[in-house]
């Protein structure tokens, strides 16, 4: 299934997560016993399949993508893997239009692999969507080794670099940068005394 999904990704110009990052997503979904997960950037279903494999058997993946064709291919990936349609919902549209319509505090995990320039906005949305103890995960946190190089000043690199600082300094987040694939920035939403 993953081989076919990766082949479809090549055909439509999508770069899916690698095996190491995928296995990490599955592990983190399993550790949180995730029942409700949001994914920004459906692609052809590679990361979604990894997440679904780690989630509880009754878990539902909500995946958002601007490309309807990508979501059609992801649906094919899930079907080939034997994932029933009640385990996922694919929402076409821009993440910043869709995320505000999702339920506050309902999600166990939010995985972001969309427009890097919007990562700060995805973080703000994730903080609202996540339950206490939930995880937000950003792909491409190393961005082809550009983030650590201060000479790299392109818009995407700067956005990812600033996201790292924001997550590091945020009082409600416990962060970890994993050097898996192109880097996964993981942050746990900590419990506040009121919760």
C-alpha atoms as a PDB file:
ATOM      1  CA  UNK A   1       0.000   0.000   0.000  1.00  0.00           C
ATOM      2  CA  UNK A   2       2.704   2.474   0.960  1.00  0.00           C
ATOM      3  CA  UNK A   3       4.739   1.640  -2.152  1.00  0.00           C
ATOM      4  CA  UNK A   4       1.725   2.365  -4.346  1.00  0.00           C
ATOM      5  CA  UNK A   5       0.930   5.537  -2.403  1.00  0.00           C
ATOM      6  CA  UNK A   6       4.521   6.737  -2.829  1.00  0.00           C
ATOM      7  CA  UNK A   7       4.352   6.009  -6.575  1.00  0.00           C
ATOM      8  CA  UNK A   8       1.156   8.061  -6.816  1.00  0.00           C
ATOM      9  CA  UNK A   9       2.874  10.852  -4.858  1.00  0.00           C
ATOM     10  CA  UNK A  10       5.703  10.908  -7.420  1.00  0.00           C
ATOM     11  CA  UNK A  11       3.148  11.137 -10.235  1.00  0.00           C
ATOM     12  CA  UNK A  12       1.441  14.215  -8.773  1.00  0.00           C
ATOM     13  CA  UNK A  13       4.572  15.902  -7.390  1.00  0.00           C
ATOM     14  CA  UNK A  14       3.914  15.333  -3.677  1.00  0.00           C
ATOM     15  CA  UNK A  15       6.781  14.589  -1.280  1.00  0.00           C
ATOM     16  CA  UNK A  16       5.472  12.131   1.333  1.00  0.00           C
ATOM     17  CA  UNK A  17       7.020  11.503   4.726  1.00  0.00           C
ATOM     18  CA  UNK A  18       9.801   8.939   4.745  1.00  0.00           C
ATOM     19  CA  UNK A  19       9.634   5.588   6.490  1.00  0.00           C
ATOM     20  CA  UNK A  20      11.373   6.865   9.639  1.00  0.00           C
ATOM     21  CA  UNK A  21       9.044   9.833  10.003  1.00  0.00           C
ATOM     22  CA  UNK A  22       6.056   7.615   9.244  1.00  0.00           C
ATOM     23  CA  UNK A  23       7.046   5.089  11.899  1.00  0.00           C
ATOM     24  CA  UNK A  24       7.471   7.972  14.355  1.00  0.00           C
ATOM     25  CA  UNK A  25       3.975   9.264  13.560  1.00  0.00           C
ATOM     26  CA  UNK A  26       2.529   5.781  14.112  1.00  0.00           C
ATOM     27  CA  UNK A  27       4.398   5.501  17.432  1.00  0.00           C
ATOM     28  CA  UNK A  28       3.253   8.920  18.662  1.00  0.00           C
ATOM     29  CA  UNK A  29      -0.355   8.227  17.677  1.00  0.00           C
ATOM     30  CA  UNK A  30      -0.152   4.933  19.584  1.00  0.00           C
ATOM     31  CA  UNK A  31       1.467   6.557  22.651  1.00  0.00           C
ATOM     32  CA  UNK A  32      -1.348   9.093  22.896  1.00  0.00           C
ATOM     33  CA  UNK A  33      -3.951   6.380  22.185  1.00  0.00           C
ATOM     34  CA  UNK A  34      -5.219   8.843  19.597  1.00  0.00           C
ATOM     35  CA  UNK A  35      -8.912   8.679  18.823  1.00  0.00           C
ATOM     36  CA  UNK A  36      -9.163  12.010  16.947  1.00  0.00           C
ATOM     37  CA  UNK A  37      -6.350  13.305  14.719  1.00  0.00           C
ATOM     38  CA  UNK A  38      -6.123  16.300  12.374  1.00  0.00           C
ATOM     39  CA  UNK A  39      -3.725  16.250   9.449  1.00  0.00           C
ATOM     40  CA  UNK A  40      -2.883  19.343   7.402  1.00  0.00           C
ATOM     41  CA  UNK A  41      -1.687  18.151   4.002  1.00  0.00           C
ATOM     42  CA  UNK A  42      -3.320  14.897   2.893  1.00  0.00           C
ATOM     43  CA  UNK A  43      -0.959  14.192   0.016  1.00  0.00           C
ATOM     44  CA  UNK A  44      -1.644  10.710  -1.324  1.00  0.00           C
ATOM     45  CA  UNK A  45      -2.319   9.257   2.109  1.00  0.00           C
ATOM     46  CA  UNK A  46       1.167   8.118   3.144  1.00  0.00           C
ATOM     47  CA  UNK A  47       1.317  10.010   6.462  1.00  0.00           C
ATOM     48  CA  UNK A  48      -2.392   9.430   7.028  1.00  0.00           C
ATOM     49  CA  UNK A  49      -1.931   5.680   6.732  1.00  0.00           C
ATOM     50  CA  UNK A  50       0.939   5.751   9.233  1.00  0.00           C
ATOM     51  CA  UNK A  51      -1.214   7.779  11.648  1.00  0.00           C
ATOM     52  CA  UNK A  52      -4.221   5.480  11.223  1.00  0.00           C
ATOM     53  CA  UNK A  53      -2.032   2.449  11.950  1.00  0.00           C
ATOM     54  CA  UNK A  54      -1.072   3.971  15.310  1.00  0.00           C
ATOM     55  CA  UNK A  55      -4.500   5.271  16.294  1.00  0.00           C
ATOM     56  CA  UNK A  56      -7.114   3.408  18.298  1.00  0.00           C
ATOM     57  CA  UNK A  57      -9.337   1.062  16.306  1.00  0.00           C
ATOM     58  CA  UNK A  58     -12.234   3.511  16.725  1.00  0.00           C
ATOM     59  CA  UNK A  59     -10.092   6.536  15.846  1.00  0.00           C
ATOM     60  CA  UNK A  60     -10.950   8.986  13.090  1.00  0.00           C
ATOM     61  CA  UNK A  61      -8.431  10.915  10.979  1.00  0.00           C
ATOM     62  CA  UNK A  62      -9.555  14.321   9.679  1.00  0.00           C
ATOM     63  CA  UNK A  63      -7.310  15.357   6.799  1.00  0.00           C
ATOM     64  CA  UNK A  64      -7.326  18.716   5.003  1.00  0.00           C
ATOM     65  CA  UNK A  65      -5.805  19.466   1.606  1.00  0.00           C
ATOM     66  CA  UNK A  66      -6.310  22.093  -1.082  1.00  0.00           C
ATOM     67  CA  UNK A  67      -6.017  19.472  -3.841  1.00  0.00           C
ATOM     68  CA  UNK A  68      -9.097  17.305  -4.409  1.00  0.00           C
ATOM     69  CA  UNK A  69      -7.040  14.982  -6.641  1.00  0.00           C
ATOM     70  CA  UNK A  70      -4.609  14.299  -3.805  1.00  0.00           C
ATOM     71  CA  UNK A  71      -7.512  13.398  -1.545  1.00  0.00           C
ATOM     72  CA  UNK A  72      -8.950  11.072  -4.188  1.00  0.00           C
ATOM     73  CA  UNK A  73      -5.599   9.282  -4.290  1.00  0.00           C
ATOM     74  CA  UNK A  74      -5.444   9.171  -0.469  1.00  0.00           C
ATOM     75  CA  UNK A  75      -8.894   7.583  -0.392  1.00  0.00           C
ATOM     76  CA  UNK A  76      -7.557   4.942  -2.797  1.00  0.00           C
ATOM     77  CA  UNK A  77      -4.548   4.368  -0.495  1.00  0.00           C
ATOM     78  CA  UNK A  78      -6.787   3.922   2.545  1.00  0.00           C
ATOM     79  CA  UNK A  79      -9.123   1.553   0.666  1.00  0.00           C
ATOM     80  CA  UNK A  80      -6.188  -0.585  -0.492  1.00  0.00           C
ATOM     81  CA  UNK A  81      -5.006  -0.770   3.132  1.00  0.00           C
ATOM     82  CA  UNK A  82      -8.422  -1.969   4.298  1.00  0.00           C
ATOM     83  CA  UNK A  83      -9.207   1.254   6.185  1.00  0.00           C
ATOM     84  CA  UNK A  84     -12.986   1.654   6.301  1.00  0.00           C
ATOM     85  CA  UNK A  85     -14.491   4.999   5.300  1.00  0.00           C
ATOM     86  CA  UNK A  86     -15.791   5.666   8.836  1.00  0.00           C
ATOM     87  CA  UNK A  87     -12.153   5.928  10.019  1.00  0.00           C
ATOM     88  CA  UNK A  88     -11.335   9.056   8.013  1.00  0.00           C
ATOM     89  CA  UNK A  89     -12.841  12.229   6.668  1.00  0.00           C
ATOM     90  CA  UNK A  90     -11.139  14.154   3.905  1.00  0.00           C
ATOM     91  CA  UNK A  91     -11.967  17.844   3.778  1.00  0.00           C
ATOM     92  CA  UNK A  92     -10.977  19.783   0.652  1.00  0.00           C
ATOM     93  CA  UNK A  93      -9.920  23.375   1.168  1.00  0.00           C
ATOM     94  CA  UNK A  94      -7.296  25.658   2.616  1.00  0.00           C
ATOM     95  CA  UNK A  95      -6.274  24.647   6.142  1.00  0.00           C
ATOM     96  CA  UNK A  96      -6.733  28.162   7.501  1.00  0.00           C
ATOM     97  CA  UNK A  97     -10.352  28.103   6.261  1.00  0.00           C
ATOM     98  CA  UNK A  98     -11.114  24.584   7.524  1.00  0.00           C
ATOM     99  CA  UNK A  99      -9.344  24.462  10.917  1.00  0.00           C
ATOM    100  CA  UNK A 100     -11.517  27.181  12.530  1.00  0.00           C
ATOM    101  CA  UNK A 101     -14.576  24.988  11.865  1.00  0.00           C
ATOM    102  CA  UNK A 102     -13.200  22.031  13.861  1.00  0.00           C
ATOM    103  CA  UNK A 103     -14.105  21.425  17.510  1.00  0.00           C
ATOM    104  CA  UNK A 104     -12.018  23.054  20.250  1.00  0.00           C
ATOM    105  CA  UNK A 105     -10.161  20.703  22.600  1.00  0.00           C
ATOM    106  CA  UNK A 106     -11.358  17.595  20.750  1.00  0.00           C
ATOM    107  CA  UNK A 107      -8.161  16.285  19.157  1.00  0.00           C
ATOM    108  CA  UNK A 108      -5.361  14.105  20.491  1.00  0.00           C
ATOM    109  CA  UNK A 109      -2.845  14.909  17.765  1.00  0.00           C
ATOM    110  CA  UNK A 110      -2.435  17.520  15.018  1.00  0.00           C
ATOM    111  CA  UNK A 111       0.074  16.776  12.242  1.00  0.00           C
ATOM    112  CA  UNK A 112       1.117  19.680  10.004  1.00  0.00           C
ATOM    113  CA  UNK A 113       2.698  19.135   6.604  1.00  0.00           C
ATOM    114  CA  UNK A 114       1.175  21.959   4.606  1.00  0.00           C
ATOM    115  CA  UNK A 115       2.363  25.398   3.509  1.00  0.00           C
ATOM    116  CA  UNK A 116       5.480  26.097   5.580  1.00  0.00           C
ATOM    117  CA  UNK A 117       4.734  29.837   5.543  1.00  0.00           C
ATOM    118  CA  UNK A 118       1.510  29.099   7.445  1.00  0.00           C
ATOM    119  CA  UNK A 119       3.114  26.956  10.178  1.00  0.00           C
ATOM    120  CA  UNK A 120       2.692  29.678  12.841  1.00  0.00           C
ATOM    121  CA  UNK A 121      -1.034  29.852  12.034  1.00  0.00           C
ATOM    122  CA  UNK A 122      -1.309  26.057  12.182  1.00  0.00           C
ATOM    123  CA  UNK A 123       0.289  26.173  15.637  1.00  0.00           C
ATOM    124  CA  UNK A 124      -2.299  28.688  16.861  1.00  0.00           C
ATOM    125  CA  UNK A 125      -5.082  26.481  15.499  1.00  0.00           C
ATOM    126  CA  UNK A 126      -3.552  23.332  17.023  1.00  0.00           C
ATOM    127  CA  UNK A 127      -3.390  24.918  20.481  1.00  0.00           C
ATOM    128  CA  UNK A 128      -7.137  25.497  20.267  1.00  0.00           C
ATOM    129  CA  UNK A 129      -7.938  22.071  18.798  1.00  0.00           C
ATOM    130  CA  UNK A 130      -5.791  19.910  21.095  1.00  0.00           C
ATOM    131  CA  UNK A 131      -6.924  18.443  24.379  1.00  0.00           C
ATOM    132  CA  UNK A 132      -4.489  18.889  27.285  1.00  0.00           C
ATOM    133  CA  UNK A 133      -1.735  16.301  26.818  1.00  0.00           C
ATOM    134  CA  UNK A 134      -2.232  16.247  23.047  1.00  0.00           C
ATOM    135  CA  UNK A 135       0.574  16.566  20.512  1.00  0.00           C
ATOM    136  CA  UNK A 136       1.225  18.938  17.649  1.00  0.00           C
ATOM    137  CA  UNK A 137       3.774  17.705  15.100  1.00  0.00           C
ATOM    138  CA  UNK A 138       5.386  19.659  12.258  1.00  0.00           C
ATOM    139  CA  UNK A 139       7.132  17.948   9.352  1.00  0.00           C
ATOM    140  CA  UNK A 140      10.208  19.449   7.644  1.00  0.00           C
ATOM    141  CA  UNK A 141      11.452  21.073  10.868  1.00  0.00           C
ATOM    142  CA  UNK A 142      15.031  20.898   9.518  1.00  0.00           C
ATOM    143  CA  UNK A 143      13.940  21.934   5.988  1.00  0.00           C
ATOM    144  CA  UNK A 144      16.760  20.246   4.083  1.00  0.00           C
ATOM    145  CA  UNK A 145      19.311  21.457   6.667  1.00  0.00           C
ATOM    146  CA  UNK A 146      18.491  25.097   5.843  1.00  0.00           C
ATOM    147  CA  UNK A 147      16.957  26.020   9.230  1.00  0.00           C
ATOM    148  CA  UNK A 148      20.274  25.743  11.087  1.00  0.00           C
ATOM    149  CA  UNK A 149      22.089  27.887   8.504  1.00  0.00           C
ATOM    150  CA  UNK A 150      21.565  31.589   9.369  1.00  0.00           C
ATOM    151  CA  UNK A 151      22.581  32.539   5.821  1.00  0.00           C
ATOM    152  CA  UNK A 152      19.372  30.928   4.523  1.00  0.00           C
ATOM    153  CA  UNK A 153      16.738  33.685   4.519  1.00  0.00           C
ATOM    154  CA  UNK A 154      14.036  32.438   2.128  1.00  0.00           C
ATOM    155  CA  UNK A 155      10.447  32.793   3.344  1.00  0.00           C
ATOM    156  CA  UNK A 156       9.837  29.114   4.129  1.00  0.00           C
ATOM    157  CA  UNK A 157      13.112  28.644   6.014  1.00  0.00           C
ATOM    158  CA  UNK A 158      12.531  31.768   8.089  1.00  0.00           C
ATOM    159  CA  UNK A 159       8.963  30.666   8.905  1.00  0.00           C
ATOM    160  CA  UNK A 160      10.144  27.247  10.107  1.00  0.00           C
ATOM    161  CA  UNK A 161      13.009  28.796  12.102  1.00  0.00           C
ATOM    162  CA  UNK A 162      10.587  31.224  13.805  1.00  0.00           C
ATOM    163  CA  UNK A 163       8.161  28.384  14.522  1.00  0.00           C
ATOM    164  CA  UNK A 164      10.941  26.520  16.337  1.00  0.00           C
ATOM    165  CA  UNK A 165      11.614  29.543  18.534  1.00  0.00           C
ATOM    166  CA  UNK A 166       7.914  30.069  19.241  1.00  0.00           C
ATOM    167  CA  UNK A 167       7.392  26.432  20.232  1.00  0.00           C
ATOM    168  CA  UNK A 168      10.542  26.435  22.375  1.00  0.00           C
ATOM    169  CA  UNK A 169       9.478  29.559  24.263  1.00  0.00           C
ATOM    170  CA  UNK A 170       5.760  28.736  24.621  1.00  0.00           C
ATOM    171  CA  UNK A 171       4.683  28.206  28.246  1.00  0.00           C
ATOM    172  CA  UNK A 172       1.968  25.700  27.290  1.00  0.00           C
ATOM    173  CA  UNK A 173       4.192  23.443  25.186  1.00  0.00           C
ATOM    174  CA  UNK A 174       6.823  20.826  25.963  1.00  0.00           C
ATOM    175  CA  UNK A 175       8.891  20.615  22.735  1.00  0.00           C
ATOM    176  CA  UNK A 176      11.187  18.052  21.156  1.00  0.00           C
ATOM    177  CA  UNK A 177      12.986  18.209  17.809  1.00  0.00           C
ATOM    178  CA  UNK A 178      13.446  14.743  16.335  1.00  0.00           C
ATOM    179  CA  UNK A 179      16.114  14.415  13.609  1.00  0.00           C
ATOM    180  CA  UNK A 180      13.995  11.895  11.697  1.00  0.00           C
ATOM    181  CA  UNK A 181      13.583  12.323   7.953  1.00  0.00           C
ATOM    182  CA  UNK A 182      13.607  16.065   7.284  1.00  0.00           C
ATOM    183  CA  UNK A 183      12.972  16.727  10.987  1.00  0.00           C
ATOM    184  CA  UNK A 184       9.855  16.407  13.110  1.00  0.00           C
ATOM    185  CA  UNK A 185       9.109  19.140  15.641  1.00  0.00           C
ATOM    186  CA  UNK A 186       6.876  17.600  18.310  1.00  0.00           C
ATOM    187  CA  UNK A 187       5.263  19.533  21.152  1.00  0.00           C
ATOM    188  CA  UNK A 188       2.976  18.321  23.908  1.00  0.00           C
ATOM    189  CA  UNK A 189       0.243  20.653  25.129  1.00  0.00           C
ATOM    190  CA  UNK A 190       0.852  20.675  28.863  1.00  0.00           C
ATOM    191  CA  UNK A 191      -1.900  20.447  31.452  1.00  0.00           C
ATOM    192  CA  UNK A 192      -2.747  23.749  33.073  1.00  0.00           C
ATOM    193  CA  UNK A 193      -3.877  23.890  36.734  1.00  0.00           C
ATOM    194  CA  UNK A 194      -7.450  24.803  35.713  1.00  0.00           C
ATOM    195  CA  UNK A 195      -7.910  21.592  33.676  1.00  0.00           C
END
